[in-house]
């Protein structure tokens, strides 16, 4: 059985969030929390909250215990991009892309296969 948690339109690029998602993929919950706690990346604190929610969903909605949980999957997909313009010299403008991400974490109580 598996439980999931998802956060949409998070103000971090999906490429940067995926770097942190790769660190915790196929790890136990305790190991993943330790990695996220010691990471200096901005997306680590966001992913820690999503992982907390996934563990809560597993224990409350599916009756699993939090001790034997593993992260089956964690990924960040690209969300909508806000396009902003900045004035430059000689009447020109540069486009700034403010990227967002949809981050998903799936936990399961089955042993991970390597």
PDB file of N, CA and C in Angstrom:
ATOM      1  N   UNK A   1       0.841  -1.171   0.000  1.00  0.00           N
ATOM      2  CA  UNK A   1       0.000   0.000   0.000  1.00  0.00           C
ATOM      3  C   UNK A   1       0.889   1.237   0.000  1.00  0.00           C
ATOM      4  N   UNK A   2       0.393   2.292  -0.634  1.00  0.00           N
ATOM      5  CA  UNK A   2       1.186   3.510  -0.707  1.00  0.00           C
ATOM      6  C   UNK A   2       0.327   4.738  -0.433  1.00  0.00           C
ATOM      7  N   UNK A   3       0.983   5.770   0.051  1.00  0.00           N
ATOM      8  CA  UNK A   3       0.326   7.053   0.302  1.00  0.00           C
ATOM      9  C   UNK A   3       1.149   8.128  -0.381  1.00  0.00           C
ATOM     10  N   UNK A   4       0.465   9.202  -0.796  1.00  0.00           N
ATOM     11  CA  UNK A   4       1.161  10.253  -1.511  1.00  0.00           C
ATOM     12  C   UNK A   4       0.781  11.617  -0.960  1.00  0.00           C
ATOM     13  N   UNK A   5       1.662  12.555  -1.214  1.00  0.00           N
ATOM     14  CA  UNK A   5       1.398  13.942  -0.885  1.00  0.00           C
ATOM     15  C   UNK A   5       1.966  14.791  -2.008  1.00  0.00           C
ATOM     16  N   UNK A   6       1.264  15.873  -2.306  1.00  0.00           N
ATOM     17  CA  UNK A   6       1.618  16.681  -3.459  1.00  0.00           C
ATOM     18  C   UNK A   6       1.460  18.154  -3.102  1.00  0.00           C
ATOM     19  N   UNK A   7       2.365  18.962  -3.586  1.00  0.00           N
ATOM     20  CA  UNK A   7       2.264  20.413  -3.417  1.00  0.00           C
ATOM     21  C   UNK A   7       2.433  21.037  -4.791  1.00  0.00           C
ATOM     22  N   UNK A   8       1.496  21.895  -5.133  1.00  0.00           N
ATOM     23  CA  UNK A   8       1.509  22.477  -6.472  1.00  0.00           C
ATOM     24  C   UNK A   8       1.873  23.951  -6.428  1.00  0.00           C
ATOM     25  N   UNK A   9       2.443  24.427  -7.506  1.00  0.00           N
ATOM     26  CA  UNK A   9       2.839  25.820  -7.729  1.00  0.00           C
ATOM     27  C   UNK A   9       3.741  26.316  -6.587  1.00  0.00           C
ATOM     28  N   UNK A  10       4.819  25.573  -6.359  1.00  0.00           N
ATOM     29  CA  UNK A  10       5.815  25.936  -5.360  1.00  0.00           C
ATOM     30  C   UNK A  10       6.843  26.843  -6.037  1.00  0.00           C
ATOM     31  N   UNK A  11       7.226  27.948  -5.381  1.00  0.00           N
ATOM     32  CA  UNK A  11       8.113  28.938  -5.992  1.00  0.00           C
ATOM     33  C   UNK A  11       9.577  28.494  -5.954  1.00  0.00           C
ATOM     34  N   UNK A  12       9.873  27.418  -6.674  1.00  0.00           N
ATOM     35  CA  UNK A  12      11.237  26.947  -6.873  1.00  0.00           C
ATOM     36  C   UNK A  12      11.235  26.224  -8.208  1.00  0.00           C
ATOM     37  N   UNK A  13      12.325  26.278  -8.945  1.00  0.00           N
ATOM     38  CA  UNK A  13      12.338  25.622 -10.251  1.00  0.00           C
ATOM     39  C   UNK A  13      12.345  24.103 -10.072  1.00  0.00           C
ATOM     40  N   UNK A  14      11.746  23.411 -11.016  1.00  0.00           N
ATOM     41  CA  UNK A  14      11.652  21.955 -10.920  1.00  0.00           C
ATOM     42  C   UNK A  14      13.027  21.306 -11.022  1.00  0.00           C
ATOM     43  N   UNK A  15      13.925  21.924 -11.745  1.00  0.00           N
ATOM     44  CA  UNK A  15      15.273  21.382 -11.877  1.00  0.00           C
ATOM     45  C   UNK A  15      16.001  21.399 -10.527  1.00  0.00           C
ATOM     46  N   UNK A  16      15.858  22.478  -9.785  1.00  0.00           N
ATOM     47  CA  UNK A  16      16.510  22.569  -8.475  1.00  0.00           C
ATOM     48  C   UNK A  16      15.834  21.657  -7.457  1.00  0.00           C
ATOM     49  N   UNK A  17      14.516  21.521  -7.533  1.00  0.00           N
ATOM     50  CA  UNK A  17      13.804  20.644  -6.606  1.00  0.00           C
ATOM     51  C   UNK A  17      14.126  19.174  -6.876  1.00  0.00           C
ATOM     52  N   UNK A  18      14.329  18.822  -8.143  1.00  0.00           N
ATOM     53  CA  UNK A  18      14.646  17.438  -8.478  1.00  0.00           C
ATOM     54  C   UNK A  18      16.003  17.010  -7.935  1.00  0.00           C
ATOM     55  N   UNK A  19      16.932  17.954  -7.768  1.00  0.00           N
ATOM     56  CA  UNK A  19      18.225  17.611  -7.173  1.00  0.00           C
ATOM     57  C   UNK A  19      18.050  17.078  -5.756  1.00  0.00           C
ATOM     58  N   UNK A  20      17.152  17.676  -4.996  1.00  0.00           N
ATOM     59  CA  UNK A  20      16.896  17.227  -3.623  1.00  0.00           C
ATOM     60  C   UNK A  20      16.049  15.959  -3.637  1.00  0.00           C
ATOM     61  N   UNK A  21      15.098  15.867  -4.571  1.00  0.00           N
ATOM     62  CA  UNK A  21      14.256  14.666  -4.665  1.00  0.00           C
ATOM     63  C   UNK A  21      15.090  13.416  -4.944  1.00  0.00           C
ATOM     64  N   UNK A  22      16.146  13.569  -5.744  1.00  0.00           N
ATOM     65  CA  UNK A  22      17.022  12.433  -6.043  1.00  0.00           C
ATOM     66  C   UNK A  22      17.771  11.957  -4.810  1.00  0.00           C
ATOM     67  N   UNK A  23      18.061  12.867  -3.889  1.00  0.00           N
ATOM     68  CA  UNK A  23      18.800  12.491  -2.684  1.00  0.00           C
ATOM     69  C   UNK A  23      17.998  11.565  -1.775  1.00  0.00           C
ATOM     70  N   UNK A  24      16.670  11.734  -1.738  1.00  0.00           N
ATOM     71  CA  UNK A  24      15.862  10.972  -0.786  1.00  0.00           C
ATOM     72  C   UNK A  24      15.133   9.796  -1.427  1.00  0.00           C
ATOM     73  N   UNK A  25      15.168   9.682  -2.736  1.00  0.00           N
ATOM     74  CA  UNK A  25      14.453   8.601  -3.423  1.00  0.00           C
ATOM     75  C   UNK A  25      15.000   7.239  -2.992  1.00  0.00           C
ATOM     76  N   UNK A  26      14.089   6.274  -2.713  1.00  0.00           N
ATOM     77  CA  UNK A  26      14.407   4.898  -2.299  1.00  0.00           C
ATOM     78  C   UNK A  26      15.129   4.827  -0.952  1.00  0.00           C
ATOM     79  N   UNK A  27      14.876   5.782  -0.073  1.00  0.00           N
ATOM     80  CA  UNK A  27      15.465   5.776   1.254  1.00  0.00           C
ATOM     81  C   UNK A  27      14.363   5.553   2.298  1.00  0.00           C
ATOM     82  N   UNK A  28      14.761   5.175   3.507  1.00  0.00           N
ATOM     83  CA  UNK A  28      13.792   5.058   4.596  1.00  0.00           C
ATOM     84  C   UNK A  28      13.403   6.459   5.050  1.00  0.00           C
ATOM     85  N   UNK A  29      12.297   6.548   5.780  1.00  0.00           N
ATOM     86  CA  UNK A  29      11.792   7.844   6.220  1.00  0.00           C
ATOM     87  C   UNK A  29      12.792   8.530   7.152  1.00  0.00           C
ATOM     88  N   UNK A  30      13.378   7.783   8.083  1.00  0.00           N
ATOM     89  CA  UNK A  30      14.320   8.358   9.024  1.00  0.00           C
ATOM     90  C   UNK A  30      15.548   8.909   8.304  1.00  0.00           C
ATOM     91  N   UNK A  31      16.040   8.136   7.344  1.00  0.00           N
ATOM     92  CA  UNK A  31      17.219   8.548   6.579  1.00  0.00           C
ATOM     93  C   UNK A  31      16.907   9.790   5.741  1.00  0.00           C
ATOM     94  N   UNK A  32      15.714   9.840   5.157  1.00  0.00           N
ATOM     95  CA  UNK A  32      15.316  10.971   4.324  1.00  0.00           C
ATOM     96  C   UNK A  32      15.187  12.243   5.158  1.00  0.00           C
ATOM     97  N   UNK A  33      14.588  12.144   6.348  1.00  0.00           N
ATOM     98  CA  UNK A  33      14.470  13.313   7.211  1.00  0.00           C
ATOM     99  C   UNK A  33      15.846  13.834   7.627  1.00  0.00           C
ATOM    100  N   UNK A  34      16.787  12.930   7.870  1.00  0.00           N
ATOM    101  CA  UNK A  34      18.144  13.354   8.239  1.00  0.00           C
ATOM    102  C   UNK A  34      18.817  14.080   7.079  1.00  0.00           C
ATOM    103  N   UNK A  35      18.632  13.584   5.859  1.00  0.00           N
ATOM    104  CA  UNK A  35      19.218  14.225   4.678  1.00  0.00           C
ATOM    105  C   UNK A  35      18.618  15.612   4.479  1.00  0.00           C
ATOM    106  N   UNK A  36      17.293  15.711   4.593  1.00  0.00           N
ATOM    107  CA  UNK A  36      16.622  16.992   4.372  1.00  0.00           C
ATOM    108  C   UNK A  36      16.942  17.999   5.473  1.00  0.00           C
ATOM    109  N   UNK A  37      17.141  17.515   6.681  1.00  0.00           N
ATOM    110  CA  UNK A  37      17.448  18.393   7.807  1.00  0.00           C
ATOM    111  C   UNK A  37      18.823  19.036   7.627  1.00  0.00           C
ATOM    112  N   UNK A  38      19.765  18.309   7.027  1.00  0.00           N
ATOM    113  CA  UNK A  38      21.139  18.802   6.888  1.00  0.00           C
ATOM    114  C   UNK A  38      21.434  19.434   5.533  1.00  0.00           C
ATOM    115  N   UNK A  39      20.467  19.465   4.655  1.00  0.00           N
ATOM    116  CA  UNK A  39      20.674  20.060   3.334  1.00  0.00           C
ATOM    117  C   UNK A  39      20.531  21.577   3.419  1.00  0.00           C
ATOM    118  N   UNK A  40      21.334  22.283   2.641  1.00  0.00           N
ATOM    119  CA  UNK A  40      21.285  23.743   2.638  1.00  0.00           C
ATOM    120  C   UNK A  40      20.431  24.300   1.508  1.00  0.00           C
ATOM    121  N   UNK A  41      19.853  23.455   0.698  1.00  0.00           N
ATOM    122  CA  UNK A  41      19.051  23.899  -0.435  1.00  0.00           C
ATOM    123  C   UNK A  41      17.695  24.434   0.028  1.00  0.00           C
ATOM    124  N   UNK A  42      17.164  25.406  -0.717  1.00  0.00           N
ATOM    125  CA  UNK A  42      15.871  26.001  -0.385  1.00  0.00           C
ATOM    126  C   UNK A  42      14.753  24.971  -0.490  1.00  0.00           C
ATOM    127  N   UNK A  43      14.821  24.108  -1.489  1.00  0.00           N
ATOM    128  CA  UNK A  43      13.749  23.140  -1.706  1.00  0.00           C
ATOM    129  C   UNK A  43      13.732  22.030  -0.658  1.00  0.00           C
ATOM    130  N   UNK A  44      14.794  21.874   0.127  1.00  0.00           N
ATOM    131  CA  UNK A  44      14.839  20.816   1.147  1.00  0.00           C
ATOM    132  C   UNK A  44      13.781  21.036   2.221  1.00  0.00           C
ATOM    133  N   UNK A  45      13.590  22.284   2.644  1.00  0.00           N
ATOM    134  CA  UNK A  45      12.582  22.551   3.673  1.00  0.00           C
ATOM    135  C   UNK A  45      11.174  22.346   3.120  1.00  0.00           C
ATOM    136  N   UNK A  46      10.969  22.660   1.859  1.00  0.00           N
ATOM    137  CA  UNK A  46       9.665  22.461   1.221  1.00  0.00           C
ATOM    138  C   UNK A  46       9.366  20.971   1.097  1.00  0.00           C
ATOM    139  N   UNK A  47      10.344  20.202   0.648  1.00  0.00           N
ATOM    140  CA  UNK A  47      10.164  18.754   0.469  1.00  0.00           C
ATOM    141  C   UNK A  47       9.993  18.067   1.822  1.00  0.00           C
ATOM    142  N   UNK A  48      10.637  18.599   2.874  1.00  0.00           N
ATOM    143  CA  UNK A  48      10.459  18.026   4.211  1.00  0.00           C
ATOM    144  C   UNK A  48       9.009  18.152   4.663  1.00  0.00           C
ATOM    145  N   UNK A  49       8.372  19.289   4.377  1.00  0.00           N
ATOM    146  CA  UNK A  49       6.961  19.464   4.721  1.00  0.00           C
ATOM    147  C   UNK A  49       6.069  18.511   3.930  1.00  0.00           C
ATOM    148  N   UNK A  50       6.384  18.318   2.658  1.00  0.00           N
ATOM    149  CA  UNK A  50       5.595  17.403   1.823  1.00  0.00           C
ATOM    150  C   UNK A  50       5.775  15.970   2.307  1.00  0.00           C
ATOM    151  N   UNK A  51       6.987  15.606   2.695  1.00  0.00           N
ATOM    152  CA  UNK A  51       7.240  14.258   3.229  1.00  0.00           C
ATOM    153  C   UNK A  51       6.508  14.049   4.547  1.00  0.00           C
ATOM    154  N   UNK A  52       6.476  15.076   5.399  1.00  0.00           N
ATOM    155  CA  UNK A  52       5.701  15.004   6.646  1.00  0.00           C
ATOM    156  C   UNK A  52       4.236  14.723   6.349  1.00  0.00           C
ATOM    157  N   UNK A  53       3.704  15.396   5.350  1.00  0.00           N
ATOM    158  CA  UNK A  53       2.311  15.207   4.967  1.00  0.00           C
ATOM    159  C   UNK A  53       2.059  13.803   4.423  1.00  0.00           C
ATOM    160  N   UNK A  54       3.003  13.275   3.639  1.00  0.00           N
ATOM    161  CA  UNK A  54       2.851  11.925   3.093  1.00  0.00           C
ATOM    162  C   UNK A  54       2.860  10.878   4.209  1.00  0.00           C
ATOM    163  N   UNK A  55       3.721  11.071   5.205  1.00  0.00           N
ATOM    164  CA  UNK A  55       3.767  10.142   6.343  1.00  0.00           C
ATOM    165  C   UNK A  55       2.473  10.225   7.141  1.00  0.00           C
ATOM    166  N   UNK A  56       1.952  11.442   7.334  1.00  0.00           N
ATOM    167  CA  UNK A  56       0.687  11.616   8.044  1.00  0.00           C
ATOM    168  C   UNK A  56      -0.464  10.969   7.274  1.00  0.00           C
ATOM    169  N   UNK A  57      -0.468  11.104   5.951  1.00  0.00           N
ATOM    170  CA  UNK A  57      -1.493  10.451   5.139  1.00  0.00           C
ATOM    171  C   UNK A  57      -1.418   8.938   5.274  1.00  0.00           C
ATOM    172  N   UNK A  58      -0.201   8.395   5.303  1.00  0.00           N
ATOM    173  CA  UNK A  58      -0.032   6.947   5.416  1.00  0.00           C
ATOM    174  C   UNK A  58      -0.537   6.428   6.763  1.00  0.00           C
ATOM    175  N   UNK A  59      -0.229   7.157   7.836  1.00  0.00           N
ATOM    176  CA  UNK A  59      -0.630   6.671   9.163  1.00  0.00           C
ATOM    177  C   UNK A  59      -2.107   6.911   9.441  1.00  0.00           C
ATOM    178  N   UNK A  60      -2.634   8.047   9.049  1.00  0.00           N
ATOM    179  CA  UNK A  60      -4.024   8.385   9.368  1.00  0.00           C
ATOM    180  C   UNK A  60      -5.030   7.759   8.403  1.00  0.00           C
ATOM    181  N   UNK A  61      -4.746   7.803   7.109  1.00  0.00           N
ATOM    182  CA  UNK A  61      -5.727   7.352   6.120  1.00  0.00           C
ATOM    183  C   UNK A  61      -5.607   5.881   5.765  1.00  0.00           C
ATOM    184  N   UNK A  62      -4.384   5.342   5.824  1.00  0.00           N
ATOM    185  CA  UNK A  62      -4.177   3.964   5.380  1.00  0.00           C
ATOM    186  C   UNK A  62      -3.789   3.016   6.499  1.00  0.00           C
ATOM    187  N   UNK A  63      -3.636   3.505   7.721  1.00  0.00           N
ATOM    188  CA  UNK A  63      -3.355   2.652   8.871  1.00  0.00           C
ATOM    189  C   UNK A  63      -1.968   2.050   8.893  1.00  0.00           C
ATOM    190  N   UNK A  64      -1.015   2.627   8.190  1.00  0.00           N
ATOM    191  CA  UNK A  64       0.357   2.117   8.199  1.00  0.00           C
ATOM    192  C   UNK A  64       1.098   2.687   9.403  1.00  0.00           C
ATOM    193  N   UNK A  65       2.158   2.010   9.819  1.00  0.00           N
ATOM    194  CA  UNK A  65       2.998   2.541  10.885  1.00  0.00           C
ATOM    195  C   UNK A  65       4.151   3.320  10.260  1.00  0.00           C
ATOM    196  N   UNK A  66       4.605   4.342  10.935  1.00  0.00           N
ATOM    197  CA  UNK A  66       5.630   5.215  10.355  1.00  0.00           C
ATOM    198  C   UNK A  66       7.034   4.610  10.421  1.00  0.00           C
ATOM    199  N   UNK A  67       7.225   3.540  11.204  1.00  0.00           N
ATOM    200  CA  UNK A  67       8.563   2.956  11.338  1.00  0.00           C
ATOM    201  C   UNK A  67       9.029   2.261  10.063  1.00  0.00           C
ATOM    202  N   UNK A  68       8.163   1.552   9.385  1.00  0.00           N
ATOM    203  CA  UNK A  68       8.594   0.755   8.241  1.00  0.00           C
ATOM    204  C   UNK A  68       8.376   1.406   6.894  1.00  0.00           C
ATOM    205  N   UNK A  69       8.221   2.714   6.858  1.00  0.00           N
ATOM    206  CA  UNK A  69       7.920   3.386   5.593  1.00  0.00           C
ATOM    207  C   UNK A  69       9.185   3.698   4.801  1.00  0.00           C
ATOM    208  N   UNK A  70       9.071   3.591   3.487  1.00  0.00           N
ATOM    209  CA  UNK A  70      10.136   3.934   2.557  1.00  0.00           C
ATOM    210  C   UNK A  70       9.593   4.902   1.521  1.00  0.00           C
ATOM    211  N   UNK A  71      10.461   5.689   0.965  1.00  0.00           N
ATOM    212  CA  UNK A  71      10.054   6.600  -0.104  1.00  0.00           C
ATOM    213  C   UNK A  71      10.151   5.840  -1.420  1.00  0.00           C
ATOM    214  N   UNK A  72       9.001   5.588  -2.003  1.00  0.00           N
ATOM    215  CA  UNK A  72       8.954   4.863  -3.265  1.00  0.00           C
ATOM    216  C   UNK A  72       9.341   5.775  -4.415  1.00  0.00           C
ATOM    217  N   UNK A  73       8.842   7.005  -4.376  1.00  0.00           N
ATOM    218  CA  UNK A  73       9.088   7.924  -5.475  1.00  0.00           C
ATOM    219  C   UNK A  73       9.028   9.351  -4.963  1.00  0.00           C
ATOM    220  N   UNK A  74       9.866  10.201  -5.506  1.00  0.00           N
ATOM    221  CA  UNK A  74       9.804  11.635  -5.239  1.00  0.00           C
ATOM    222  C   UNK A  74      10.287  12.354  -6.486  1.00  0.00           C
ATOM    223  N   UNK A  75       9.496  13.299  -6.938  1.00  0.00           N
ATOM    224  CA  UNK A  75       9.851  14.006  -8.167  1.00  0.00           C
ATOM    225  C   UNK A  75       9.211  15.380  -8.179  1.00  0.00           C
ATOM    226  N   UNK A  76       9.736  16.239  -9.040  1.00  0.00           N
ATOM    227  CA  UNK A  76       9.223  17.592  -9.203  1.00  0.00           C
ATOM    228  C   UNK A  76       8.978  17.837 -10.679  1.00  0.00           C
ATOM    229  N   UNK A  77       7.734  18.107 -11.026  1.00  0.00           N
ATOM    230  CA  UNK A  77       7.374  18.442 -12.399  1.00  0.00           C
ATOM    231  C   UNK A  77       7.301  19.952 -12.552  1.00  0.00           C
ATOM    232  N   UNK A  78       7.403  20.415 -13.776  1.00  0.00           N
ATOM    233  CA  UNK A  78       7.369  21.842 -14.038  1.00  0.00           C
ATOM    234  C   UNK A  78       5.960  22.386 -13.881  1.00  0.00           C
ATOM    235  N   UNK A  79       5.838  23.486 -13.181  1.00  0.00           N
ATOM    236  CA  UNK A  79       4.555  24.159 -13.002  1.00  0.00           C
ATOM    237  C   UNK A  79       4.455  25.354 -13.938  1.00  0.00           C
ATOM    238  N   UNK A  80       3.464  26.203 -13.731  1.00  0.00           N
ATOM    239  CA  UNK A  80       3.329  27.381 -14.590  1.00  0.00           C
ATOM    240  C   UNK A  80       4.480  28.363 -14.363  1.00  0.00           C
ATOM    241  N   UNK A  81       4.858  29.047 -15.416  1.00  0.00           N
ATOM    242  CA  UNK A  81       5.948  30.015 -15.362  1.00  0.00           C
ATOM    243  C   UNK A  81       5.380  31.422 -15.455  1.00  0.00           C
ATOM    244  N   UNK A  82       5.753  32.264 -14.489  1.00  0.00           N
ATOM    245  CA  UNK A  82       5.337  33.668 -14.540  1.00  0.00           C
ATOM    246  C   UNK A  82       6.361  34.435 -15.362  1.00  0.00           C
ATOM    247  N   UNK A  83       5.898  35.219 -16.308  1.00  0.00           N
ATOM    248  CA  UNK A  83       6.788  35.983 -17.172  1.00  0.00           C
ATOM    249  C   UNK A  83       6.746  37.446 -16.743  1.00  0.00           C
ATOM    250  N   UNK A  84       7.918  37.962 -16.397  1.00  0.00           N
ATOM    251  CA  UNK A  84       8.035  39.345 -15.974  1.00  0.00           C
ATOM    252  C   UNK A  84       9.080  40.041 -16.843  1.00  0.00           C
ATOM    253  N   UNK A  85       8.960  41.356 -16.973  1.00  0.00           N
ATOM    254  CA  UNK A  85       9.895  42.115 -17.795  1.00  0.00           C
ATOM    255  C   UNK A  85      10.637  43.127 -16.941  1.00  0.00           C
ATOM    256  N   UNK A  86      11.907  43.349 -17.300  1.00  0.00           N
ATOM    257  CA  UNK A  86      12.742  44.292 -16.586  1.00  0.00           C
ATOM    258  C   UNK A  86      13.299  45.293 -17.594  1.00  0.00           C
ATOM    259  N   UNK A  87      13.234  46.560 -17.242  1.00  0.00           N
ATOM    260  CA  UNK A  87      13.726  47.609 -18.134  1.00  0.00           C
ATOM    261  C   UNK A  87      15.239  47.543 -18.244  1.00  0.00           C
ATOM    262  N   UNK A  88      15.729  47.711 -19.452  1.00  0.00           N
ATOM    263  CA  UNK A  88      17.161  47.720 -19.727  1.00  0.00           C
ATOM    264  C   UNK A  88      17.529  49.012 -20.453  1.00  0.00           C
ATOM    265  N   UNK A  89      18.760  49.154 -20.815  1.00  0.00           N
ATOM    266  CA  UNK A  89      19.241  50.377 -21.462  1.00  0.00           C
ATOM    267  C   UNK A  89      18.675  50.523 -22.876  1.00  0.00           C
ATOM    268  N   UNK A  90      18.616  51.756 -23.338  1.00  0.00           N
ATOM    269  CA  UNK A  90      18.198  52.119 -24.694  1.00  0.00           C
ATOM    270  C   UNK A  90      16.768  51.687 -24.998  1.00  0.00           C
ATOM    271  N   UNK A  91      15.894  51.683 -23.995  1.00  0.00           N
ATOM    272  CA  UNK A  91      14.486  51.387 -24.222  1.00  0.00           C
ATOM    273  C   UNK A  91      14.159  49.925 -24.435  1.00  0.00           C
ATOM    274  N   UNK A  92      15.082  49.070 -24.141  1.00  0.00           N
ATOM    275  CA  UNK A  92      14.848  47.635 -24.333  1.00  0.00           C
ATOM    276  C   UNK A  92      14.320  47.018 -23.038  1.00  0.00           C
ATOM    277  N   UNK A  93      13.912  45.739 -23.133  1.00  0.00           N
ATOM    278  CA  UNK A  93      13.415  45.014 -21.960  1.00  0.00           C
ATOM    279  C   UNK A  93      13.914  43.577 -22.018  1.00  0.00           C
ATOM    280  N   UNK A  94      14.215  43.025 -20.857  1.00  0.00           N
ATOM    281  CA  UNK A  94      14.594  41.614 -20.734  1.00  0.00           C
ATOM    282  C   UNK A  94      13.463  40.864 -20.065  1.00  0.00           C
ATOM    283  N   UNK A  95      13.230  39.653 -20.525  1.00  0.00           N
ATOM    284  CA  UNK A  95      12.183  38.825 -19.930  1.00  0.00           C
ATOM    285  C   UNK A  95      12.780  37.980 -18.813  1.00  0.00           C
ATOM    286  N   UNK A  96      12.149  37.993 -17.654  1.00  0.00           N
ATOM    287  CA  UNK A  96      12.538  37.158 -16.524  1.00  0.00           C
ATOM    288  C   UNK A  96      11.491  36.067 -16.371  1.00  0.00           C
ATOM    289  N   UNK A  97      11.937  34.829 -16.267  1.00  0.00           N
ATOM    290  CA  UNK A  97      11.029  33.700 -16.096  1.00  0.00           C
ATOM    291  C   UNK A  97      11.079  33.252 -14.640  1.00  0.00           C
ATOM    292  N   UNK A  98       9.979  33.398 -13.932  1.00  0.00           N
ATOM    293  CA  UNK A  98       9.888  32.962 -12.544  1.00  0.00           C
ATOM    294  C   UNK A  98       9.209  31.602 -12.535  1.00  0.00           C
ATOM    295  N   UNK A  99      10.015  30.576 -12.380  1.00  0.00           N
ATOM    296  CA  UNK A  99       9.534  29.205 -12.539  1.00  0.00           C
ATOM    297  C   UNK A  99       8.924  28.668 -11.252  1.00  0.00           C
ATOM    298  N   UNK A 100       7.978  27.738 -11.414  1.00  0.00           N
ATOM    299  CA  UNK A 100       7.353  27.056 -10.295  1.00  0.00           C
ATOM    300  C   UNK A 100       7.412  25.549 -10.546  1.00  0.00           C
ATOM    301  N   UNK A 101       7.062  24.769  -9.516  1.00  0.00           N
ATOM    302  CA  UNK A 101       7.138  23.314  -9.621  1.00  0.00           C
ATOM    303  C   UNK A 101       5.954  22.672  -8.907  1.00  0.00           C
ATOM    304  N   UNK A 102       5.607  21.471  -9.357  1.00  0.00           N
ATOM    305  CA  UNK A 102       4.655  20.604  -8.669  1.00  0.00           C
ATOM    306  C   UNK A 102       5.487  19.456  -8.089  1.00  0.00           C
ATOM    307  N   UNK A 103       5.553  19.357  -6.764  1.00  0.00           N
ATOM    308  CA  UNK A 103       6.401  18.356  -6.099  1.00  0.00           C
ATOM    309  C   UNK A 103       5.521  17.256  -5.519  1.00  0.00           C
ATOM    310  N   UNK A 104       5.891  15.993  -5.777  1.00  0.00           N
ATOM    311  CA  UNK A 104       5.134  14.827  -5.315  1.00  0.00           C
ATOM    312  C   UNK A 104       6.066  13.867  -4.584  1.00  0.00           C
ATOM    313  N   UNK A 105       5.595  13.342  -3.451  1.00  0.00           N
ATOM    314  CA  UNK A 105       6.324  12.324  -2.692  1.00  0.00           C
ATOM    315  C   UNK A 105       5.367  11.165  -2.443  1.00  0.00           C
ATOM    316  N   UNK A 106       5.804   9.937  -2.770  1.00  0.00           N
ATOM    317  CA  UNK A 106       5.001   8.722  -2.565  1.00  0.00           C
ATOM    318  C   UNK A 106       5.762   7.817  -1.604  1.00  0.00           C
ATOM    319  N   UNK A 107       5.100   7.429  -0.506  1.00  0.00           N
ATOM    320  CA  UNK A 107       5.704   6.521   0.472  1.00  0.00           C
ATOM    321  C   UNK A 107       4.942   5.199   0.465  1.00  0.00           C
ATOM    322  N   UNK A 108       5.663   4.131   0.799  1.00  0.00           N
ATOM    323  CA  UNK A 108       5.069   2.797   0.839  1.00  0.00           C
ATOM    324  C   UNK A 108       5.618   2.046   2.045  1.00  0.00           C
ATOM    325  N   UNK A 109       4.902   0.999   2.450  1.00  0.00           N
ATOM    326  CA  UNK A 109       5.357   0.206   3.585  1.00  0.00           C
ATOM    327  C   UNK A 109       6.083  -1.063   3.146  1.00  0.00           C
ATOM    328  N   UNK A 110       6.183  -1.293   1.848  1.00  0.00           N
ATOM    329  CA  UNK A 110       6.873  -2.468   1.334  1.00  0.00           C
ATOM    330  C   UNK A 110       8.361  -2.170   1.188  1.00  0.00           C
ATOM    331  N   UNK A 111       9.154  -3.202   1.265  1.00  0.00           N
ATOM    332  CA  UNK A 111      10.592  -3.045   1.111  1.00  0.00           C
ATOM    333  C   UNK A 111      10.905  -2.568  -0.297  1.00  0.00           C
ATOM    334  N   UNK A 112      11.921  -1.717  -0.399  1.00  0.00           N
ATOM    335  CA  UNK A 112      12.295  -1.205  -1.706  1.00  0.00           C
ATOM    336  C   UNK A 112      13.113  -2.259  -2.451  1.00  0.00           C
ATOM    337  N   UNK A 113      12.909  -2.345  -3.744  1.00  0.00           N
ATOM    338  CA  UNK A 113      13.649  -3.286  -4.560  1.00  0.00           C
ATOM    339  C   UNK A 113      14.835  -2.605  -5.209  1.00  0.00           C
ATOM    340  N   UNK A 114      16.000  -3.202  -5.086  1.00  0.00           N
ATOM    341  CA  UNK A 114      17.196  -2.603  -5.702  1.00  0.00           C
ATOM    342  C   UNK A 114      17.680  -3.444  -6.827  1.00  0.00           C
TER     343      UNK A 114
END
